[in-house]
Protein backbone atom coordinates (compact mmCIF):
# COMPACT_ATOMS: atom_id res chain seq x y z
CA MET A 1 0.00 0.00 0.00
CA ASN A 2 1.21 3.51 -0.85
CA LYS A 3 0.85 6.00 2.00
CA LEU A 4 0.13 9.70 1.59
CA GLY A 5 2.14 12.19 3.61
CA PRO A 6 0.90 14.68 6.21
CA VAL A 7 -2.10 16.87 5.43
CA PRO A 8 -1.25 20.59 5.11
CA LYS A 9 -2.43 23.01 7.77
CA ARG A 10 -5.47 25.14 7.07
CA THR A 11 -4.38 28.55 5.75
CA HIS A 12 -7.57 29.71 4.01
CA GLU A 13 -10.85 30.73 5.64
CA HIS A 14 -13.65 31.14 3.10
CA VAL A 15 -14.24 28.47 0.43
CA ALA A 16 -16.87 28.73 -2.30
CA VAL A 17 -17.94 25.23 -3.34
CA LEU A 18 -19.10 25.35 -6.95
CA LYS A 19 -21.73 22.68 -7.65
CA GLY A 20 -24.74 21.89 -9.83
CA GLY A 21 -24.05 23.72 -13.05
CA LEU A 22 -25.61 23.45 -16.48
CA SER A 23 -24.48 20.04 -17.76
CA ALA A 24 -26.16 16.65 -17.95
CA GLU A 25 -24.15 15.76 -14.84
CA ARG A 26 -25.84 18.36 -12.67
CA GLU A 27 -27.30 15.87 -10.17
CA VAL A 28 -23.94 14.17 -9.64
CA SER A 29 -22.31 17.56 -9.11
CA LEU A 30 -24.92 18.57 -6.52
CA ARG A 31 -24.11 15.41 -4.58
CA SER A 32 -20.36 15.94 -4.90
CA GLY A 33 -20.67 19.56 -3.81
CA ALA A 34 -22.83 18.76 -0.80
CA ALA A 35 -20.37 16.10 0.40
CA VAL A 36 -17.39 18.41 -0.10
CA ALA A 37 -19.09 21.33 1.68
CA GLU A 38 -19.95 19.19 4.70
CA ALA A 39 -16.40 17.84 4.92
CA LEU A 40 -14.83 21.30 4.59
CA ARG A 41 -17.01 22.66 7.38
CA GLY A 42 -15.79 19.77 9.48
CA GLU A 43 -12.23 20.89 8.73
CA GLY A 44 -12.96 24.38 10.04
CA TYR A 45 -13.51 26.33 6.80
CA ARG A 46 -16.28 28.85 6.25
CA VAL A 47 -18.13 27.43 3.26
CA THR A 48 -20.57 28.99 0.80
CA GLU A 49 -22.27 26.58 -1.59
CA VAL A 50 -22.76 28.12 -5.04
CA ASP A 51 -25.12 26.56 -7.59
CA ALA A 52 -23.17 27.66 -10.64
CA ASP A 53 -25.19 29.25 -13.43
CA ARG A 54 -24.50 31.92 -16.03
CA ASN A 55 -24.23 34.52 -13.26
CA LEU A 56 -21.29 32.72 -11.64
CA ALA A 57 -18.80 35.56 -12.18
CA ILE A 58 -21.15 38.05 -10.48
CA GLN A 59 -21.78 35.65 -7.59
CA LEU A 60 -18.05 35.18 -6.99
CA GLN A 61 -17.32 38.90 -7.21
CA GLU A 62 -19.91 39.48 -4.47
CA LEU A 63 -18.72 36.57 -2.28
CA LYS A 64 -14.98 37.26 -2.58
CA PRO A 65 -13.93 33.76 -1.43
CA ASP A 66 -10.34 32.88 -0.65
CA VAL A 67 -10.63 29.71 -2.77
CA ALA A 68 -13.11 28.08 -5.14
CA PHE A 69 -13.54 24.33 -4.77
CA ASN A 70 -14.71 23.21 -8.19
CA ALA A 71 -17.16 20.33 -7.67
CA LEU A 72 -18.75 20.79 -11.10
CA HIS A 73 -18.89 17.95 -13.62
CA GLY A 74 -19.39 18.02 -17.38
CA LYS A 75 -19.74 20.96 -19.73
CA PHE A 76 -18.99 24.45 -18.41
CA GLY A 77 -17.54 22.88 -15.26
CA GLU A 78 -14.60 20.72 -16.24
CA ASP A 79 -13.96 21.80 -19.84
CA GLY A 80 -11.99 24.98 -19.13
CA CYS A 81 -14.91 27.44 -19.14
CA VAL A 82 -15.27 27.91 -15.38
CA GLN A 83 -11.51 27.70 -15.00
CA GLY A 84 -11.22 30.68 -17.36
CA ILE A 85 -13.70 32.68 -15.29
CA LEU A 86 -11.75 31.93 -12.12
CA GLU A 87 -8.49 32.97 -13.80
CA LEU A 88 -10.02 36.28 -14.90
CA LEU A 89 -11.35 36.93 -11.40
CA GLY A 90 -8.08 35.91 -9.78
CA VAL A 91 -9.79 33.36 -7.52
CA PRO A 92 -7.53 30.38 -6.67
CA TYR A 93 -9.24 27.10 -7.59
CA THR A 94 -8.85 23.36 -7.29
CA HIS A 95 -8.15 20.73 -9.95
CA SER A 96 -6.68 21.41 -13.40
CA GLY A 97 -6.39 24.65 -15.33
CA VAL A 98 -7.94 25.87 -18.57
CA LEU A 99 -5.86 23.97 -21.12
CA ALA A 100 -5.63 20.63 -19.31
CA SER A 101 -9.35 20.71 -18.50
CA ALA A 102 -10.30 21.41 -22.11
CA LEU A 103 -7.93 18.74 -23.47
CA ALA A 104 -8.99 15.99 -21.09
CA MET A 105 -12.69 16.73 -21.56
CA HIS A 106 -12.51 16.37 -25.35
CA LYS A 107 -12.03 12.63 -25.75
CA GLU A 108 -10.55 12.79 -29.25
CA ARG A 109 -8.01 15.51 -28.40
CA ALA A 110 -7.03 13.66 -25.22
CA LYS A 111 -6.42 10.50 -27.23
CA ASP A 112 -4.17 12.42 -29.63
CA VAL A 113 -2.04 13.76 -26.77
CA MET A 114 -1.82 10.41 -24.98
CA LYS A 115 -0.84 8.55 -28.15
CA LEU A 116 2.08 10.94 -28.61
CA GLN A 117 3.29 9.90 -25.15
CA GLY A 118 3.11 6.18 -25.95
CA ILE A 119 -0.11 5.54 -24.03
CA ALA A 120 -2.30 2.98 -25.78
CA VAL A 121 -5.85 4.13 -26.54
CA ALA A 122 -8.76 2.51 -28.35
CA GLU A 123 -9.24 3.34 -32.04
CA ALA A 124 -12.18 5.66 -32.62
CA LYS A 125 -13.98 7.84 -35.16
CA LEU A 126 -16.02 11.01 -34.78
CA VAL A 127 -19.34 10.94 -36.66
CA THR A 128 -22.74 12.57 -36.40
CA ARG A 129 -25.39 10.84 -34.34
CA GLY A 130 -27.32 10.27 -37.59
CA GLU A 131 -24.34 8.52 -39.19
CA ALA A 132 -23.92 6.34 -36.10
CA LEU A 133 -27.60 5.35 -36.35
CA ALA A 134 -27.57 4.70 -40.11
CA SER A 135 -24.98 1.93 -40.21
CA HIS A 136 -22.09 0.37 -38.34
CA VAL A 137 -19.20 2.84 -38.39
CA LEU A 138 -16.89 0.21 -36.88
CA PRO A 139 -17.26 -3.58 -36.81
CA PRO A 140 -19.24 -4.59 -33.69
CA PRO A 141 -18.64 -4.67 -30.79
CA TYR A 142 -18.04 -0.97 -30.31
CA VAL A 143 -18.99 1.86 -27.98
CA VAL A 144 -20.82 5.08 -28.87
CA LYS A 145 -20.21 7.94 -26.48
CA PRO A 146 -20.44 11.75 -26.36
CA ILE A 147 -17.10 13.41 -27.01
CA ALA A 148 -17.39 15.72 -23.98
CA GLU A 149 -19.44 14.18 -21.17
CA GLY A 150 -18.62 12.03 -18.16
CA SER A 151 -20.37 9.75 -15.66
CA SER A 152 -21.22 7.39 -18.57
CA PHE A 153 -23.99 9.72 -19.79
CA GLY A 154 -25.13 8.79 -23.28
CA VAL A 155 -22.84 5.76 -23.57
CA VAL A 156 -24.15 2.88 -25.69
CA ILE A 157 -22.38 -0.46 -26.10
CA VAL A 158 -23.19 -2.15 -29.41
CA PRO A 159 -22.86 -5.95 -29.03
CA PRO A 160 -20.99 -8.17 -31.51
CA ASP A 161 -24.20 -9.72 -32.87
CA ALA A 162 -25.99 -6.43 -33.58
CA ALA A 163 -27.41 -6.44 -37.11
CA GLN A 164 -27.74 -2.65 -37.02
CA PRO A 165 -27.00 0.21 -34.61
CA PRO A 166 -29.52 0.39 -31.73
CA ASN A 167 -32.05 3.21 -31.50
CA SER A 168 -30.71 4.06 -28.04
CA ILE A 169 -27.94 6.01 -29.79
CA ALA A 170 -30.56 8.71 -30.42
CA ALA A 171 -31.98 8.52 -26.88
CA SER A 172 -30.85 11.91 -25.57
CA ALA A 173 -31.46 15.10 -27.49
CA THR A 174 -29.55 17.03 -24.81
CA LEU A 175 -26.20 15.59 -25.88
CA ASP A 176 -24.05 16.83 -28.76
CA GLU A 177 -24.81 15.86 -32.33
CA VAL A 178 -21.24 14.61 -32.85
CA VAL A 179 -20.38 11.36 -31.10
CA MET A 180 -17.33 9.14 -30.75
CA VAL A 181 -17.53 5.58 -32.01
CA GLU A 182 -14.81 3.61 -30.25
CA ARG A 183 -13.59 0.04 -30.50
CA TYR A 184 -14.88 -2.00 -27.58
CA VAL A 185 -12.09 -3.34 -25.38
CA ALA A 186 -13.00 -6.50 -23.53
CA GLY A 187 -11.71 -7.33 -20.07
CA ARG A 188 -11.42 -5.71 -16.68
CA GLU A 189 -12.22 -2.11 -15.69
CA LEU A 190 -9.39 -0.48 -13.74
CA THR A 191 -8.89 2.99 -12.32
CA CYS A 192 -6.04 4.87 -10.64
CA ALA A 193 -5.60 8.46 -9.49
CA VAL A 194 -2.95 11.14 -9.07
CA LEU A 195 -3.00 13.53 -6.10
CA GLY A 196 -0.35 16.16 -6.76
CA ASP A 197 2.68 13.99 -7.49
CA PHE A 198 1.37 10.96 -5.57
CA VAL A 199 0.05 7.99 -7.56
CA THR A 200 -2.55 5.91 -5.75
CA ASP A 201 -3.14 2.19 -5.80
CA VAL A 202 -5.41 0.60 -8.40
CA ILE A 203 -9.09 -0.31 -8.12
CA GLU A 204 -10.86 -2.91 -10.24
CA ILE A 205 -14.53 -2.04 -10.75
CA VAL A 206 -16.90 -4.97 -11.07
CA PRO A 207 -20.46 -3.94 -12.11
CA LEU A 208 -23.13 -5.87 -10.21
CA ARG A 209 -26.86 -6.56 -10.62
CA GLY A 210 -26.37 -7.83 -14.17
CA LEU A 211 -25.11 -4.51 -15.50
CA SER A 212 -22.91 -4.88 -18.56
CA PHE A 213 -20.44 -2.10 -17.77
CA TYR A 214 -19.63 0.67 -15.27
CA ASP A 215 -22.61 2.84 -16.25
CA TYR A 216 -24.34 5.67 -14.39
CA GLU A 217 -26.35 3.27 -12.23
CA SER A 218 -23.32 1.24 -11.19
CA LYS A 219 -21.32 4.41 -10.51
CA TYR A 220 -23.83 6.17 -8.26
CA GLY A 221 -26.39 3.60 -7.14
CA PRO A 222 -25.84 1.83 -3.81
CA GLY A 223 -24.64 -1.69 -4.54
CA GLY A 224 -24.20 -0.89 -8.22
CA SER A 225 -20.61 -2.10 -8.34
CA LYS A 226 -17.95 -3.83 -6.30
CA HIS A 227 -14.57 -2.17 -5.91
CA GLU A 228 -11.56 -4.47 -5.54
CA LEU A 229 -8.83 -2.44 -3.81
CA PRO A 230 -6.10 -3.27 -4.45
CA ALA A 231 -6.95 -4.81 -7.81
CA GLN A 232 -5.78 -8.40 -8.09
CA LEU A 233 -3.33 -8.05 -10.97
CA LEU A 234 0.10 -9.35 -11.80
CA PRO A 235 2.71 -6.95 -10.35
CA ASP A 236 3.92 -5.76 -13.76
CA VAL A 237 0.38 -4.96 -14.91
CA TYR A 238 -0.40 -3.20 -11.62
CA GLN A 239 2.66 -0.99 -11.89
CA SER A 240 1.96 -0.31 -15.57
CA VAL A 241 -1.47 1.08 -14.64
CA ARG A 242 0.14 3.35 -12.05
CA SER A 243 2.92 4.58 -14.34
CA LEU A 244 0.52 5.20 -17.25
CA THR A 245 -1.82 7.12 -14.94
CA LEU A 246 0.98 9.50 -13.99
CA ARG A 247 2.16 9.77 -17.60
CA ALA A 248 -1.35 10.66 -18.81
CA HIS A 249 -1.79 13.21 -16.00
CA GLN A 250 1.47 14.88 -16.95
CA ALA A 251 0.93 14.65 -20.72
CA LEU A 252 -2.37 16.53 -20.48
CA GLY A 253 -0.89 19.04 -18.04
CA CYS A 254 -3.24 18.16 -15.17
CA ARG A 255 -2.91 19.62 -11.69
CA GLY A 256 -4.23 18.58 -8.31
CA VAL A 257 -6.42 15.49 -8.65
CA SER A 258 -7.08 13.42 -11.75
CA ARG A 259 -8.24 9.86 -12.34
CA ALA A 260 -7.43 7.62 -15.30
CA ASP A 261 -9.66 4.74 -16.40
CA PHE A 262 -8.37 1.64 -18.18
CA ARG A 263 -9.48 -1.64 -19.71
CA PHE A 264 -7.21 -4.66 -19.36
CA ASP A 265 -8.01 -7.54 -21.72
CA ASP A 266 -7.06 -10.71 -19.89
CA THR A 267 -10.03 -12.64 -21.29
CA PRO A 268 -9.35 -16.20 -22.56
CA GLY A 269 -7.63 -15.80 -25.91
CA GLY A 270 -7.72 -12.02 -25.46
CA SER A 271 -5.15 -9.50 -26.61
CA GLY A 272 -3.61 -8.76 -23.20
CA GLU A 273 -3.74 -5.04 -24.03
CA LEU A 274 -3.93 -2.31 -21.40
CA ILE A 275 -5.92 0.60 -22.86
CA CYS A 276 -6.43 4.03 -21.33
CA LEU A 277 -10.05 5.05 -21.87
CA GLU A 278 -9.89 8.59 -20.53
CA VAL A 279 -8.54 10.97 -17.89
CA ASN A 280 -11.08 12.64 -15.62
CA THR A 281 -9.91 16.00 -14.26
CA GLN A 282 -12.98 16.45 -12.02
CA PRO A 283 -13.53 13.02 -10.45
CA GLY A 284 -16.69 12.50 -8.44
CA MET A 285 -16.71 13.24 -4.72
CA THR A 286 -19.85 11.34 -3.72
CA GLY A 287 -20.26 8.56 -1.20
CA THR A 288 -19.55 5.93 -3.87
CA SER A 289 -16.77 7.83 -5.67
CA LEU A 290 -13.42 6.30 -6.45
CA VAL A 291 -10.90 9.03 -5.59
CA PRO A 292 -12.04 9.37 -1.95
CA GLU A 293 -11.82 5.60 -1.66
CA LEU A 294 -8.30 5.56 -3.11
CA ALA A 295 -7.23 8.39 -0.80
CA GLY A 296 -8.71 6.54 2.17
CA TYR A 297 -6.75 3.43 1.30
CA ALA A 298 -3.60 5.60 1.25
CA GLY A 299 -4.32 6.96 4.72
CA TRP A 300 -6.33 10.15 4.19
CA SER A 301 -9.88 10.69 5.38
CA PHE A 302 -12.36 12.49 3.13
CA GLY A 303 -11.76 15.61 5.22
CA ASP A 304 -8.00 15.27 4.73
CA LEU A 305 -8.48 14.97 0.98
CA VAL A 306 -10.67 18.04 0.53
CA ARG A 307 -8.45 20.10 2.85
CA TRP A 308 -5.40 19.17 0.78
CA MET A 309 -7.27 20.14 -2.39
CA VAL A 310 -8.20 23.56 -0.95
CA GLU A 311 -4.65 24.22 0.23
CA ASP A 312 -3.32 23.13 -3.20
CA ALA A 313 -5.60 25.61 -5.00
CA SER A 314 -4.08 28.34 -7.17
CA CYS A 315 -4.45 30.34 -10.35
CA ASN A 316 -2.23 29.75 -13.41
CA ARG A 317 -2.85 26.02 -13.27
């Protein structure tokens, strides 16, 4: 087990916790923000919870917080937009800066950067939702996903025996018209995080209740998935996940906390490949979230984690 060092002393007083927002992940963000706000109050901070809307800049100018804890997820929260507002206002903030946030959020651009650093990613194409519905863009099985959403919103797995693309690809009119069609990678779901320059251990996520993958229900529903920590992997695979997580974090220019998700194909007759699916610069902070669990395994309570994130906050990230 890797152990985190001492938690920094509290130097700030007033923290604005940004939550909610305008994306499809609003409900997740509200839960993350509420959990963070409660923990920060327990650490002695004065906390104002801000439901971020298009008046966010005005709200922050009136509040004048010492730090903004960004608990937003999805568009306008983790894609560089809010980070740009905070830079303009000169309010120190948590997580990654404008460029890293925008890069990591755009799945195709993130793949391009990671490939240049020798990190294996799944082959993919960008097409319109209509094109994805009309015919198979890739040989099944494959995955259809929005290019800039998280929490598994809008993700459709097309099985190997599908005669044609499923109608569920058109299920949500709130998501972008352009989608990513990505080769399906069989095997185990793994995740690992970076906290500053510390790389955590590795979790294997096993969806339960007959769910086919780590979808929204298995992420946020009680009993939706089982987390194996540490993941039962061969030592060389385990360390590869950890080293690739740090490499991806650094390649995208991330700061503070990030989490990388992988698929490892150790199925019978499988390829043995270890594929990085994406890097999340605003990982969830709910009761079932992975980063708090990884930090806890490394010796930090949830309060320790959010205090470290507040004390790590800055501009020019």
